[in-house]
């Protein structure tokens, strides 16, 4: 898993999320409020929420306004998580049954410890 994940808050803007994804090459960001995980926003969620005209000759003020949307407006609230004590096969089961693209790893208080992706699983299986 990717430990100590970069997180965003529910009131952060999509412009902030876009910058993080662009500069850090992440695909998922945990959304945290009062240190507890409340959602996840993915690069796909971001792409769906932003205007396709951003950065083009057709860009308008309305298109730019999509960058001002807040994370809580587009994040996924239905969380599928695993505890830090989970084993690799627990993650494989979750990926196969839930159809998620990442699994936040949380502590007993629901605080994010890391993010597990299918690529992490593939790397572990290779080793």
N, C-alpha and C. Protein backbone atom coordinates (compact mmCIF):
# COMPACT_ATOMS: atom_id res chain seq x y z
N UNK A 1 0.84 -1.18 0.00
CA UNK A 1 0.00 0.00 0.00
C UNK A 1 0.87 1.23 0.00
N UNK A 2 0.30 2.32 -0.39
CA UNK A 2 0.95 3.62 -0.28
C UNK A 2 0.66 4.13 1.12
N UNK A 3 1.68 4.19 1.96
CA UNK A 3 1.49 4.60 3.35
C UNK A 3 1.48 6.12 3.48
N UNK A 4 0.94 6.59 4.60
CA UNK A 4 0.86 8.02 4.90
C UNK A 4 0.31 8.79 3.70
N UNK A 5 -0.94 8.50 3.33
CA UNK A 5 -1.47 9.12 2.12
C UNK A 5 -1.68 10.63 2.25
N UNK A 6 -1.54 11.29 1.13
CA UNK A 6 -1.91 12.69 1.04
C UNK A 6 -3.43 12.71 1.08
N UNK A 7 -4.00 13.60 1.87
CA UNK A 7 -5.45 13.67 2.01
C UNK A 7 -5.95 15.06 1.64
N UNK A 8 -7.25 15.12 1.41
CA UNK A 8 -7.92 16.41 1.20
C UNK A 8 -9.12 16.46 2.14
N UNK A 9 -9.62 17.66 2.33
CA UNK A 9 -10.81 17.86 3.15
C UNK A 9 -12.04 17.99 2.27
N UNK A 10 -13.22 17.83 2.84
CA UNK A 10 -14.45 17.91 2.04
C UNK A 10 -14.69 19.28 1.42
N UNK A 11 -14.12 20.34 1.99
CA UNK A 11 -14.34 21.68 1.46
C UNK A 11 -13.21 22.17 0.55
N UNK A 12 -12.20 21.32 0.31
CA UNK A 12 -11.17 21.68 -0.66
C UNK A 12 -11.80 21.74 -2.05
N UNK A 13 -11.20 22.52 -2.92
CA UNK A 13 -11.74 22.67 -4.28
C UNK A 13 -11.21 21.58 -5.20
N UNK A 14 -11.91 21.42 -6.31
CA UNK A 14 -11.45 20.48 -7.32
C UNK A 14 -10.17 20.97 -7.98
N UNK A 15 -9.92 22.26 -7.94
CA UNK A 15 -8.66 22.79 -8.46
C UNK A 15 -7.50 22.25 -7.62
N UNK A 16 -7.68 22.16 -6.31
CA UNK A 16 -6.66 21.60 -5.42
C UNK A 16 -6.43 20.13 -5.75
N UNK A 17 -7.50 19.38 -5.91
CA UNK A 17 -7.41 17.95 -6.23
C UNK A 17 -6.69 17.76 -7.56
N UNK A 18 -7.04 18.56 -8.52
CA UNK A 18 -6.40 18.47 -9.85
C UNK A 18 -4.90 18.71 -9.75
N UNK A 19 -4.50 19.69 -8.97
CA UNK A 19 -3.07 19.98 -8.79
C UNK A 19 -2.35 18.80 -8.14
N UNK A 20 -2.95 18.22 -7.12
CA UNK A 20 -2.34 17.07 -6.44
C UNK A 20 -2.19 15.91 -7.41
N UNK A 21 -3.25 15.60 -8.14
CA UNK A 21 -3.18 14.50 -9.10
C UNK A 21 -2.11 14.76 -10.16
N UNK A 22 -2.04 16.00 -10.62
CA UNK A 22 -1.08 16.34 -11.68
C UNK A 22 0.37 16.25 -11.20
N UNK A 23 0.64 16.82 -10.04
CA UNK A 23 2.02 16.89 -9.57
C UNK A 23 2.51 15.63 -8.88
N UNK A 24 1.63 14.92 -8.21
CA UNK A 24 2.05 13.75 -7.44
C UNK A 24 1.72 12.43 -8.12
N UNK A 25 1.02 12.48 -9.23
CA UNK A 25 0.71 11.27 -10.01
C UNK A 25 -0.11 10.24 -9.24
N UNK A 26 -0.98 10.73 -8.33
CA UNK A 26 -1.91 9.85 -7.62
C UNK A 26 -3.16 9.66 -8.46
N UNK A 27 -3.93 8.63 -8.12
CA UNK A 27 -5.22 8.40 -8.78
C UNK A 27 -6.37 8.41 -7.78
N UNK A 28 -6.04 8.39 -6.48
CA UNK A 28 -7.06 8.37 -5.42
C UNK A 28 -6.59 9.24 -4.27
N UNK A 29 -7.52 9.98 -3.69
CA UNK A 29 -7.22 10.78 -2.50
C UNK A 29 -8.26 10.50 -1.42
N UNK A 30 -7.81 10.13 -0.23
CA UNK A 30 -8.75 9.99 0.87
C UNK A 30 -9.27 11.38 1.27
N UNK A 31 -10.54 11.43 1.62
CA UNK A 31 -11.14 12.67 2.09
C UNK A 31 -11.32 12.51 3.60
N UNK A 32 -10.73 13.44 4.35
CA UNK A 32 -10.67 13.32 5.80
C UNK A 32 -11.30 14.54 6.45
N UNK A 33 -12.06 14.27 7.51
CA UNK A 33 -12.63 15.34 8.32
C UNK A 33 -12.44 14.96 9.78
N UNK A 34 -11.84 15.85 10.55
CA UNK A 34 -11.51 15.57 11.96
C UNK A 34 -10.70 14.28 12.07
N UNK A 35 -9.75 14.09 11.18
CA UNK A 35 -8.81 12.97 11.13
C UNK A 35 -9.44 11.64 10.70
N UNK A 36 -10.75 11.60 10.50
CA UNK A 36 -11.43 10.35 10.12
C UNK A 36 -11.74 10.35 8.62
N UNK A 37 -11.63 9.17 8.02
CA UNK A 37 -11.92 9.01 6.60
C UNK A 37 -13.43 9.12 6.38
N UNK A 38 -13.83 10.00 5.47
CA UNK A 38 -15.26 10.15 5.17
C UNK A 38 -15.57 9.89 3.69
N UNK A 39 -14.54 9.74 2.88
CA UNK A 39 -14.77 9.50 1.46
C UNK A 39 -13.47 9.33 0.71
N UNK A 40 -13.61 9.10 -0.59
CA UNK A 40 -12.47 8.99 -1.49
C UNK A 40 -12.84 9.71 -2.78
N UNK A 41 -11.89 10.45 -3.32
CA UNK A 41 -12.09 11.08 -4.62
C UNK A 41 -11.01 10.52 -5.55
N UNK A 42 -11.45 10.09 -6.73
CA UNK A 42 -10.52 9.50 -7.70
C UNK A 42 -10.32 10.45 -8.87
N UNK A 43 -9.31 10.14 -9.68
CA UNK A 43 -9.10 10.95 -10.88
C UNK A 43 -10.29 10.85 -11.81
N UNK A 44 -10.97 9.71 -11.82
CA UNK A 44 -12.17 9.56 -12.65
C UNK A 44 -13.32 10.43 -12.14
N UNK A 45 -13.46 10.50 -10.81
CA UNK A 45 -14.48 11.39 -10.24
C UNK A 45 -14.21 12.83 -10.65
N UNK A 46 -12.94 13.21 -10.61
CA UNK A 46 -12.55 14.57 -10.98
C UNK A 46 -12.87 14.83 -12.46
N UNK A 47 -12.49 13.91 -13.33
CA UNK A 47 -12.74 14.11 -14.76
C UNK A 47 -14.22 14.23 -15.07
N UNK A 48 -15.05 13.48 -14.37
CA UNK A 48 -16.50 13.57 -14.58
C UNK A 48 -17.06 14.92 -14.15
N UNK A 49 -16.45 15.51 -13.11
CA UNK A 49 -16.98 16.76 -12.54
C UNK A 49 -16.49 18.01 -13.26
N UNK A 50 -15.33 17.93 -13.91
CA UNK A 50 -14.78 19.11 -14.57
C UNK A 50 -15.30 19.24 -16.00
N UNK A 51 -15.35 20.47 -16.45
CA UNK A 51 -15.77 20.73 -17.82
C UNK A 51 -14.74 20.19 -18.81
N UNK A 52 -15.20 19.54 -19.88
CA UNK A 52 -14.25 19.06 -20.88
C UNK A 52 -13.61 20.19 -21.69
N UNK A 53 -14.11 21.40 -21.53
CA UNK A 53 -13.58 22.54 -22.29
C UNK A 53 -12.44 23.28 -21.57
N UNK A 54 -12.10 22.85 -20.35
CA UNK A 54 -11.01 23.52 -19.63
C UNK A 54 -9.72 23.43 -20.44
N UNK A 55 -9.05 24.55 -20.54
CA UNK A 55 -7.78 24.59 -21.25
C UNK A 55 -7.89 24.62 -22.76
N UNK A 56 -9.10 24.70 -23.27
CA UNK A 56 -9.28 24.74 -24.72
C UNK A 56 -9.70 26.14 -25.15
N UNK A 57 -9.75 26.35 -26.45
CA UNK A 57 -10.18 27.64 -26.99
C UNK A 57 -11.65 27.90 -26.69
N UNK A 58 -12.41 26.86 -26.42
CA UNK A 58 -13.84 27.00 -26.13
C UNK A 58 -14.12 27.26 -24.65
N UNK A 59 -13.07 27.35 -23.83
CA UNK A 59 -13.25 27.54 -22.39
C UNK A 59 -13.99 28.83 -22.08
N UNK A 60 -14.95 28.73 -21.16
CA UNK A 60 -15.73 29.90 -20.73
C UNK A 60 -15.59 30.06 -19.21
N UNK A 61 -16.14 31.12 -18.71
CA UNK A 61 -16.15 31.36 -17.26
C UNK A 61 -16.89 30.23 -16.55
N UNK A 62 -17.92 29.75 -17.17
CA UNK A 62 -18.69 28.64 -16.60
C UNK A 62 -17.84 27.36 -16.50
N UNK A 63 -17.01 27.12 -17.49
CA UNK A 63 -16.11 25.97 -17.46
C UNK A 63 -15.12 26.11 -16.31
N UNK A 64 -14.55 27.30 -16.15
CA UNK A 64 -13.60 27.55 -15.07
C UNK A 64 -14.25 27.38 -13.70
N UNK A 65 -15.53 27.67 -13.61
CA UNK A 65 -16.25 27.54 -12.33
C UNK A 65 -16.29 26.11 -11.83
N UNK A 66 -16.16 25.14 -12.73
CA UNK A 66 -16.17 23.74 -12.28
C UNK A 66 -14.98 23.44 -11.38
N UNK A 67 -13.90 24.21 -11.50
CA UNK A 67 -12.73 24.05 -10.63
C UNK A 67 -13.01 24.50 -9.20
N UNK A 68 -14.08 25.27 -9.02
CA UNK A 68 -14.43 25.78 -7.69
C UNK A 68 -15.37 24.83 -6.93
N UNK A 69 -15.83 23.78 -7.60
CA UNK A 69 -16.65 22.79 -6.90
C UNK A 69 -15.85 22.25 -5.73
N UNK A 70 -16.56 21.76 -4.74
CA UNK A 70 -15.92 21.23 -3.54
C UNK A 70 -15.86 19.71 -3.59
N UNK A 71 -14.86 19.17 -2.92
CA UNK A 71 -14.63 17.73 -2.90
C UNK A 71 -15.89 16.97 -2.46
N UNK A 72 -16.58 17.48 -1.44
CA UNK A 72 -17.76 16.76 -0.93
C UNK A 72 -18.86 16.62 -1.99
N UNK A 73 -18.80 17.42 -3.04
CA UNK A 73 -19.80 17.34 -4.10
C UNK A 73 -19.55 16.17 -5.05
N UNK A 74 -18.33 15.66 -5.09
CA UNK A 74 -18.01 14.61 -6.07
C UNK A 74 -17.42 13.35 -5.46
N UNK A 75 -17.06 13.39 -4.18
CA UNK A 75 -16.39 12.23 -3.56
C UNK A 75 -17.34 11.05 -3.43
N UNK A 76 -16.76 9.88 -3.31
CA UNK A 76 -17.52 8.67 -3.05
C UNK A 76 -17.60 8.48 -1.54
N UNK A 77 -18.82 8.35 -1.06
CA UNK A 77 -19.05 8.23 0.38
C UNK A 77 -19.20 6.78 0.83
N UNK A 78 -19.51 5.90 -0.12
CA UNK A 78 -19.69 4.48 0.21
C UNK A 78 -18.30 3.86 0.32
N UNK A 79 -17.80 3.77 1.53
CA UNK A 79 -16.43 3.33 1.72
C UNK A 79 -16.33 1.83 1.91
N UNK A 80 -15.34 1.26 1.26
CA UNK A 80 -14.95 -0.13 1.46
C UNK A 80 -13.52 -0.04 1.97
N UNK A 81 -13.32 -0.39 3.23
CA UNK A 81 -11.99 -0.25 3.84
C UNK A 81 -11.52 -1.60 4.38
N UNK A 82 -10.27 -1.63 4.73
CA UNK A 82 -9.68 -2.79 5.41
C UNK A 82 -8.85 -2.29 6.58
N UNK A 83 -8.74 -3.10 7.63
CA UNK A 83 -7.86 -2.73 8.75
C UNK A 83 -6.40 -3.02 8.38
N UNK A 84 -5.50 -2.46 9.14
CA UNK A 84 -4.07 -2.67 8.89
C UNK A 84 -3.68 -4.13 9.09
N UNK A 85 -4.49 -4.90 9.79
CA UNK A 85 -4.19 -6.31 10.04
C UNK A 85 -4.62 -7.23 8.90
N UNK A 86 -5.25 -6.67 7.88
CA UNK A 86 -5.73 -7.49 6.75
C UNK A 86 -4.55 -8.11 6.01
N UNK A 87 -4.82 -9.26 5.41
CA UNK A 87 -3.80 -9.94 4.60
C UNK A 87 -4.13 -9.75 3.13
N UNK A 88 -3.20 -10.14 2.29
CA UNK A 88 -3.32 -9.94 0.84
C UNK A 88 -4.62 -10.52 0.29
N UNK A 89 -5.00 -11.71 0.72
CA UNK A 89 -6.22 -12.33 0.19
C UNK A 89 -7.48 -11.57 0.59
N UNK A 90 -7.45 -10.87 1.72
CA UNK A 90 -8.59 -10.02 2.09
C UNK A 90 -8.77 -8.93 1.04
N UNK A 91 -7.68 -8.36 0.62
CA UNK A 91 -7.73 -7.30 -0.40
C UNK A 91 -8.21 -7.86 -1.73
N UNK A 92 -7.71 -9.03 -2.12
CA UNK A 92 -8.14 -9.65 -3.37
C UNK A 92 -9.65 -9.87 -3.35
N UNK A 93 -10.16 -10.38 -2.23
CA UNK A 93 -11.62 -10.60 -2.11
C UNK A 93 -12.39 -9.29 -2.27
N UNK A 94 -11.91 -8.24 -1.62
CA UNK A 94 -12.60 -6.95 -1.71
C UNK A 94 -12.59 -6.43 -3.14
N UNK A 95 -11.45 -6.48 -3.79
CA UNK A 95 -11.38 -6.02 -5.17
C UNK A 95 -12.32 -6.83 -6.07
N UNK A 96 -12.37 -8.12 -5.90
CA UNK A 96 -13.23 -8.97 -6.73
C UNK A 96 -14.71 -8.80 -6.44
N UNK A 97 -15.07 -8.63 -5.20
CA UNK A 97 -16.50 -8.56 -4.82
C UNK A 97 -17.10 -7.17 -4.88
N UNK A 98 -16.29 -6.17 -4.60
CA UNK A 98 -16.83 -4.81 -4.49
C UNK A 98 -16.66 -3.96 -5.74
N UNK A 99 -15.76 -4.34 -6.62
CA UNK A 99 -15.55 -3.57 -7.84
C UNK A 99 -14.96 -2.19 -7.60
N UNK A 100 -14.19 -2.04 -6.54
CA UNK A 100 -13.56 -0.75 -6.25
C UNK A 100 -12.17 -0.71 -6.89
N UNK A 101 -11.64 0.49 -7.05
CA UNK A 101 -10.31 0.62 -7.64
C UNK A 101 -9.24 0.91 -6.60
N UNK A 102 -9.66 1.16 -5.37
CA UNK A 102 -8.71 1.34 -4.26
C UNK A 102 -9.39 0.94 -2.97
N UNK A 103 -8.57 0.57 -2.01
CA UNK A 103 -9.08 0.22 -0.69
C UNK A 103 -8.30 1.04 0.34
N UNK A 104 -8.98 1.96 1.02
CA UNK A 104 -8.29 2.67 2.09
C UNK A 104 -8.03 1.71 3.26
N UNK A 105 -6.84 1.79 3.81
CA UNK A 105 -6.49 1.02 5.00
C UNK A 105 -6.61 1.98 6.18
N UNK A 106 -7.40 1.58 7.18
CA UNK A 106 -7.70 2.48 8.29
C UNK A 106 -7.34 1.84 9.63
N UNK A 107 -7.14 2.71 10.63
CA UNK A 107 -6.91 2.21 11.98
C UNK A 107 -8.25 2.04 12.69
N UNK A 108 -8.20 1.70 13.97
CA UNK A 108 -9.43 1.43 14.74
C UNK A 108 -10.35 2.64 14.84
N UNK A 109 -9.80 3.84 14.72
CA UNK A 109 -10.60 5.06 14.80
C UNK A 109 -11.06 5.57 13.42
N UNK A 110 -10.79 4.80 12.38
CA UNK A 110 -11.20 5.21 11.05
C UNK A 110 -10.27 6.20 10.39
N UNK A 111 -9.08 6.37 10.93
CA UNK A 111 -8.10 7.28 10.33
C UNK A 111 -7.34 6.54 9.23
N UNK A 112 -7.16 7.19 8.08
CA UNK A 112 -6.46 6.51 6.97
C UNK A 112 -4.98 6.31 7.26
N UNK A 113 -4.52 5.09 7.05
CA UNK A 113 -3.11 4.75 7.19
C UNK A 113 -2.43 4.61 5.83
N UNK A 114 -3.25 4.33 4.82
CA UNK A 114 -2.71 4.14 3.48
C UNK A 114 -3.80 3.82 2.50
N UNK A 115 -3.40 3.67 1.24
CA UNK A 115 -4.31 3.32 0.15
C UNK A 115 -3.72 2.10 -0.54
N UNK A 116 -4.55 1.11 -0.77
CA UNK A 116 -4.14 -0.09 -1.48
C UNK A 116 -4.83 -0.10 -2.83
N UNK A 117 -4.06 -0.31 -3.90
CA UNK A 117 -4.64 -0.40 -5.24
C UNK A 117 -4.39 -1.80 -5.79
N UNK A 118 -5.03 -2.13 -6.89
CA UNK A 118 -4.82 -3.44 -7.49
C UNK A 118 -3.37 -3.58 -7.95
N UNK A 119 -2.74 -2.46 -8.31
CA UNK A 119 -1.33 -2.51 -8.70
C UNK A 119 -0.45 -2.94 -7.53
N UNK A 120 -0.79 -2.47 -6.32
CA UNK A 120 -0.06 -2.89 -5.13
C UNK A 120 -0.19 -4.40 -4.93
N UNK A 121 -1.38 -4.91 -5.17
CA UNK A 121 -1.61 -6.36 -5.04
C UNK A 121 -0.78 -7.12 -6.06
N UNK A 122 -0.76 -6.64 -7.29
CA UNK A 122 0.02 -7.30 -8.33
C UNK A 122 1.51 -7.30 -8.01
N UNK A 123 2.02 -6.18 -7.47
CA UNK A 123 3.42 -6.11 -7.07
C UNK A 123 3.73 -7.12 -5.96
N UNK A 124 2.81 -7.22 -4.99
CA UNK A 124 3.01 -8.17 -3.88
C UNK A 124 2.99 -9.60 -4.37
N UNK A 125 2.12 -9.91 -5.32
CA UNK A 125 2.05 -11.25 -5.86
C UNK A 125 3.32 -11.60 -6.65
N UNK A 126 3.87 -10.62 -7.33
CA UNK A 126 5.09 -10.87 -8.10
C UNK A 126 6.28 -11.22 -7.18
N UNK A 127 6.29 -10.60 -6.01
CA UNK A 127 7.39 -10.84 -5.08
C UNK A 127 7.21 -12.19 -4.43
